[in-house]
Protein backbone atom coordinates (compact mmCIF):
# COMPACT_ATOMS: atom_id res chain seq x y z
CA MET A 1 -11.21 -8.40 29.11
CA GLU A 2 -12.41 -11.19 26.52
CA PRO A 3 -14.82 -14.13 27.64
CA PRO A 4 -13.41 -17.41 27.72
CA LEU A 5 -12.88 -19.01 24.77
CA LYS A 6 -16.26 -21.14 23.10
CA LYS A 7 -14.56 -23.66 21.28
CA VAL A 8 -16.25 -25.78 18.70
CA LYS A 9 -15.46 -28.86 16.53
CA THR A 10 -17.76 -30.22 14.19
CA GLY A 11 -15.69 -31.75 11.61
CA ILE A 12 -17.53 -30.29 8.60
CA GLY A 13 -15.14 -29.61 5.80
CA LEU A 14 -11.80 -31.28 7.11
CA VAL A 15 -9.54 -27.92 6.21
CA SER A 16 -6.57 -29.60 7.57
CA ALA A 17 -6.74 -32.05 4.88
CA TRP A 18 -8.01 -29.43 1.90
CA PRO A 19 -5.47 -29.50 -1.02
CA LYS A 20 -2.41 -27.10 -0.69
CA PHE A 21 -2.59 -23.41 -2.18
CA SER A 22 0.51 -24.63 -3.99
CA GLU A 23 -1.94 -26.91 -6.00
CA ARG A 24 -4.51 -24.24 -6.78
CA VAL A 25 -2.18 -21.54 -7.95
CA ASP A 26 1.15 -20.86 -9.77
CA GLU A 27 3.01 -19.40 -7.28
CA ASN A 28 5.70 -17.88 -9.47
CA GLU A 29 2.93 -16.19 -11.41
CA GLU A 30 0.99 -14.78 -8.84
CA LYS A 31 3.90 -13.39 -7.01
CA GLU A 32 5.24 -11.83 -10.00
CA PHE A 33 1.82 -10.40 -10.53
CA PHE A 34 1.35 -9.09 -6.68
CA LEU A 35 4.64 -7.76 -6.65
CA ASP A 36 4.10 -5.08 -9.70
CA GLU A 37 0.14 -4.68 -9.13
CA GLY A 38 -0.23 -4.98 -5.48
CA TYR A 39 -3.44 -7.59 -5.49
CA VAL A 40 -3.90 -11.22 -6.83
CA LYS A 41 -6.99 -12.58 -8.25
CA LEU A 42 -7.53 -15.93 -7.81
CA ILE A 43 -10.62 -17.54 -9.52
CA ASP A 44 -12.05 -20.85 -8.58
CA PHE A 45 -9.72 -20.90 -5.56
CA LEU A 46 -11.95 -22.69 -3.46
CA SER A 47 -14.64 -25.38 -4.69
CA PRO A 48 -18.52 -25.54 -4.64
CA ASP A 49 -18.27 -28.32 -1.85
CA GLU A 50 -15.42 -25.93 0.28
CA VAL A 51 -17.26 -22.69 -0.25
CA GLY A 52 -20.36 -24.51 1.07
CA ALA A 53 -18.73 -25.89 4.00
CA ILE A 54 -17.59 -22.81 4.96
CA ARG A 55 -21.16 -21.28 4.51
CA SER A 56 -22.64 -24.22 6.73
CA GLU A 57 -20.10 -23.39 9.29
CA LEU A 58 -20.71 -19.69 9.52
CA ASP A 59 -24.52 -20.60 9.95
CA ARG A 60 -23.55 -22.70 12.83
CA TYR A 61 -21.22 -19.69 14.16
CA GLN A 62 -23.92 -17.17 14.30
CA LYS A 63 -26.60 -19.73 15.96
CA GLU A 64 -24.01 -20.77 18.67
CA VAL A 65 -21.32 -18.66 19.24
CA VAL A 66 -22.47 -15.19 18.34
CA PRO A 67 -25.00 -14.88 21.12
CA ASP A 68 -22.09 -15.07 23.59
CA LEU A 69 -19.74 -12.84 21.79
CA PRO A 70 -18.66 -9.33 23.43
CA PRO A 71 -20.45 -6.43 21.50
CA LYS A 72 -16.82 -5.49 19.77
CA ARG A 73 -16.83 -8.69 18.11
CA ALA A 74 -20.15 -8.90 16.32
CA PHE A 75 -21.85 -6.02 14.33
CA PHE A 76 -25.05 -5.63 12.96
CA GLU A 77 -27.13 -3.85 10.64
CA LYS A 78 -29.89 -3.52 13.21
CA LYS A 79 -28.77 -4.13 16.36
CA ASP A 80 -31.89 -5.84 17.74
CA ASP A 81 -32.02 -8.46 14.68
CA ALA A 82 -29.42 -11.42 15.20
CA SER A 83 -30.09 -12.16 11.59
CA SER A 84 -28.53 -8.94 10.29
CA VAL A 85 -24.98 -9.84 10.83
CA ILE A 86 -22.68 -7.51 8.87
CA ARG A 87 -19.34 -7.97 10.49
CA LEU A 88 -17.81 -10.87 12.60
CA GLU A 89 -14.42 -10.06 14.37
CA ARG A 90 -11.56 -12.21 15.52
CA MET A 91 -13.34 -15.51 14.76
CA ALA A 92 -10.28 -17.78 15.13
CA ASP A 93 -10.34 -16.79 18.89
CA PHE A 94 -13.57 -18.10 19.66
CA ASP A 95 -14.27 -21.00 17.42
CA ASP A 96 -11.75 -24.28 16.54
CA TYR A 97 -13.18 -24.50 12.90
CA PHE A 98 -12.37 -20.89 11.88
CA LYS A 99 -8.60 -21.27 13.75
CA ASP A 100 -8.26 -24.45 11.49
CA LEU A 101 -9.08 -22.63 8.62
CA SER A 102 -6.70 -20.03 8.76
CA GLU A 103 -4.14 -22.70 9.53
CA SER A 104 -5.16 -24.82 6.70
CA PRO A 105 -2.48 -25.82 3.58
CA ALA A 106 -5.30 -23.93 1.34
CA PHE A 107 -4.44 -20.89 2.65
CA ASN A 108 -1.60 -20.83 5.22
CA GLY A 109 1.79 -20.10 3.32
CA LEU A 110 0.59 -18.09 0.67
CA ALA A 111 1.40 -14.79 2.28
CA ASP A 112 4.64 -16.25 2.77
CA ILE A 113 5.18 -16.62 -0.93
CA LEU A 114 3.73 -13.23 -1.99
CA LEU A 115 5.31 -11.14 1.03
CA GLY A 116 8.45 -13.08 0.78
CA VAL A 117 8.72 -13.37 4.63
CA ASP A 118 7.52 -15.55 7.19
CA CYS A 119 3.86 -15.04 8.17
CA GLU A 120 1.19 -16.34 10.68
CA PRO A 121 -2.53 -15.97 10.50
CA ASN A 122 -3.93 -13.30 12.48
CA ASN A 123 -7.41 -12.48 11.88
CA VAL A 124 -10.45 -14.25 10.38
CA GLN A 125 -13.03 -11.68 9.77
CA PHE A 126 -16.70 -12.24 7.85
CA PHE A 127 -18.19 -9.20 6.11
CA SER A 128 -21.78 -9.33 4.67
CA LYS A 129 -22.83 -5.96 2.88
CA PRO A 130 -26.37 -5.38 3.35
CA PRO A 131 -28.74 -4.45 0.22
CA GLY A 132 -29.01 -0.55 0.37
CA ALA A 133 -25.50 -0.17 2.30
CA LYS A 134 -23.59 2.52 1.09
CA ASP A 135 -19.87 2.43 -0.59
CA THR A 136 -16.78 1.67 1.00
CA PRO A 137 -14.46 4.76 1.19
CA PRO A 138 -11.17 4.32 -0.53
CA HIS A 139 -8.56 3.25 2.04
CA GLN A 140 -5.43 1.30 3.01
CA ASP A 141 -5.59 -1.59 5.41
CA GLY A 142 -2.19 -0.58 6.48
CA ILE A 143 -3.73 2.34 8.19
CA TYR A 144 -4.94 -0.06 10.51
CA PHE A 145 -2.40 -2.55 10.53
CA MET A 146 0.11 0.13 11.56
CA HIS A 147 2.62 -1.84 9.58
CA ASP A 148 3.25 -3.30 5.86
CA LYS A 149 4.35 -6.51 6.52
CA GLY A 150 0.61 -8.52 5.96
CA ILE A 151 -1.89 -9.42 3.60
CA THR A 152 -5.40 -9.37 3.32
CA PHE A 153 -7.18 -12.15 1.62
CA TRP A 154 -10.84 -11.78 1.01
CA LEU A 155 -12.99 -14.83 -0.18
CA ALA A 156 -16.24 -14.39 -1.81
CA LEU A 157 -18.97 -16.52 -0.39
CA ASP A 158 -21.50 -15.44 -2.97
CA ASP A 159 -20.92 -13.86 -6.50
CA VAL A 160 -20.11 -10.09 -6.53
CA ASP A 161 -20.94 -7.75 -9.02
CA ALA A 162 -21.47 -4.00 -9.25
CA GLU A 163 -25.21 -4.09 -8.24
CA ASN A 164 -24.31 -5.53 -4.56
CA GLY A 165 -20.67 -3.76 -4.25
CA ALA A 166 -17.91 -5.18 -5.96
CA MET A 167 -14.29 -4.08 -4.61
CA SER A 168 -12.36 -2.40 -7.02
CA TYR A 169 -8.36 -2.19 -6.40
CA ILE A 170 -5.83 0.91 -7.56
CA PRO A 171 -3.22 -1.26 -9.53
CA LYS A 172 0.09 -0.22 -8.28
CA SER A 173 -0.88 1.94 -5.38
CA HIS A 174 1.15 -0.31 -3.00
CA LYS A 175 4.32 1.51 -4.42
CA LEU A 176 2.97 4.95 -3.18
CA GLY A 177 3.65 3.62 0.51
CA GLU A 178 1.35 4.65 3.20
CA LEU A 179 -0.85 7.77 2.39
CA LYS A 180 -3.15 9.99 4.63
CA HIS A 181 -6.01 9.20 5.96
CA ASN A 182 -8.96 10.99 7.65
CA LYS A 183 -11.48 10.07 10.01
CA THR A 184 -14.77 8.72 9.12
CA ASP A 185 -18.27 8.15 10.87
CA GLN A 186 -18.86 4.96 8.97
CA LEU A 187 -19.35 1.75 10.99
CA GLY A 188 -16.63 -0.46 10.18
CA PHE A 189 -14.51 1.81 8.06
CA SER A 190 -13.35 4.58 10.61
CA LYS A 191 -10.55 5.74 8.21
CA ALA A 192 -10.51 7.07 4.48
CA LEU A 193 -8.03 8.52 2.24
CA ASP A 194 -7.61 12.37 2.61
CA GLU A 195 -7.48 12.73 -1.06
CA PHE A 196 -8.86 10.23 -3.76
CA PRO A 197 -7.69 11.68 -6.98
CA GLU A 198 -9.12 11.55 -10.51
CA SER A 199 -6.48 9.69 -11.65
CA MET A 200 -6.75 6.69 -8.78
CA LYS A 201 -10.51 6.79 -9.89
CA LYS A 202 -9.87 6.36 -13.64
CA ASP A 203 -7.46 3.24 -12.84
CA ALA A 204 -9.42 1.56 -10.67
CA VAL A 205 -10.25 -2.33 -11.80
CA MET A 206 -13.41 -3.96 -10.31
CA MET A 207 -13.70 -7.30 -8.83
CA GLU A 208 -16.40 -8.52 -10.03
CA VAL A 209 -16.08 -12.38 -9.23
CA LYS A 210 -18.01 -15.64 -8.64
CA LYS A 211 -18.19 -17.46 -5.20
CA GLY A 212 -14.78 -19.23 -4.33
CA THR A 213 -12.52 -16.34 -5.96
CA LEU A 214 -9.76 -15.26 -3.60
CA LEU A 215 -8.52 -11.82 -3.78
CA GLY A 216 -5.26 -10.65 -1.76
CA HIS A 217 -4.24 -7.36 -1.48
CA HIS A 218 -1.12 -5.62 0.15
CA PRO A 219 -1.61 -3.21 3.22
CA TYR A 220 -0.97 0.11 1.07
CA THR A 221 -2.90 -1.31 -2.03
CA VAL A 222 -5.76 1.49 -2.20
CA HIS A 223 -9.31 -0.09 -2.31
CA ILE A 224 -13.10 0.95 -2.35
CA ALA A 225 -15.96 -0.85 -2.87
CA GLY A 226 -19.44 0.48 -4.45
CA PRO A 227 -22.73 0.61 -2.57
CA ASN A 228 -25.17 -2.38 -2.64
CA LYS A 229 -27.91 -1.39 -5.11
CA SER A 230 -29.55 -4.49 -4.84
CA LYS A 231 -32.78 -4.91 -3.03
CA VAL A 232 -32.33 -8.45 -1.93
CA ARG A 233 -28.91 -9.43 -2.35
CA TRP A 234 -26.22 -9.38 0.13
CA ARG A 235 -22.74 -9.59 -0.27
CA PRO A 236 -20.84 -12.06 2.04
CA ALA A 237 -17.49 -12.70 2.42
CA LEU A 238 -14.49 -14.17 4.22
CA GLY A 239 -11.60 -11.83 5.33
CA LEU A 240 -8.38 -13.75 6.51
CA THR A 241 -5.17 -11.67 7.35
CA TYR A 242 -1.59 -12.95 7.97
CA TRP A 243 1.07 -10.92 9.24
CA ALA A 244 4.72 -11.42 9.26
CA LYS A 245 5.67 -13.24 12.83
CA SER A 246 7.86 -10.52 13.42
CA CYS A 247 4.85 -8.27 14.24
CA ARG A 248 4.08 -10.76 17.26
CA ASP A 249 6.95 -9.78 19.25
CA ASP A 250 7.04 -6.04 18.46
CA GLU A 251 5.81 -4.76 21.55
CA GLU A 252 5.27 -1.24 20.52
CA LEU A 253 2.93 -2.35 17.62
CA GLN A 254 0.92 -4.54 19.74
CA GLU A 255 0.53 -1.37 22.38
CA LYS A 256 -0.01 0.84 19.39
CA HIS A 257 -3.18 -1.76 18.66
CA ARG A 258 -4.41 -1.93 22.10
CA ASN A 259 -4.59 2.03 22.22
CA TYR A 260 -6.41 1.82 19.15
CA GLU A 261 -8.87 -0.56 19.51
CA LYS A 262 -9.69 0.97 23.31
CA LYS A 263 -10.43 4.26 21.60
CA LEU A 264 -12.35 2.98 18.71
CA MET A 265 -14.99 0.94 21.12
CA LYS A 266 -15.34 3.88 23.14
CA GLU A 267 -16.31 6.16 20.30
CA LEU A 268 -18.70 3.61 18.94
CA LYS A 269 -20.39 3.22 22.57
CA GLU A 270 -20.69 7.06 22.58
CA ALA A 271 -22.47 6.65 19.56
CA GLY A 272 -24.51 4.17 20.08
CA LYS A 273 -23.62 1.69 17.28
CA ILE A 274 -22.38 -1.22 19.69
């Protein structure tokens, strides 16, 4: 059972008053591209001030909230080094700022447009690929979602390029449906495509982006990320997932997720990773 939620309001960023996504992008143009290619790349989606506000809140979250989180909600490059956070899960469950961020007009509603169904926030995550980290295996988020009625948004909190592990999309791969995955021993990515043919590798489009860029992809869009070859640069990003509202009342789906998480946490504990 989760501990009592630790809610904190700071007012930094005033995300509820941020400009709506429709003032930031051409909805029709991006929807057409998303349906055809399986992803979107929204350059300068957030302003430098907005990115700065999020980063300030992340600093606060790591100092004030992370120490009280259960092990399965925070992962570290070095277990005994609180500054080496590589992944934070379910942030909106523990903090009002990140809940408000997921519900902000800047983000909330964009998934509805791209997917064509009524959606709601599902998760807010923080990812930070440390220097020297290995590549992220090819996978589809749908294998974790266990459905295709959702979307993952990935917000660059710093510049991303080939050196520090930029992500790459395989265009149109969402049209292939759910592909077979195998289990891996990589922390944070327990599954990878059974086969990653040369044709996919050849078609991969690297997402080298500046901070403030928002990427978004369909649950079945195959994506990978290179190793972080830098000796000093981390690759921080915020993930926001939105699911169709119908998923909330799908008890079979919810039970599958509960069982999967129990199994995953048991395996991570046995492997000494949490």
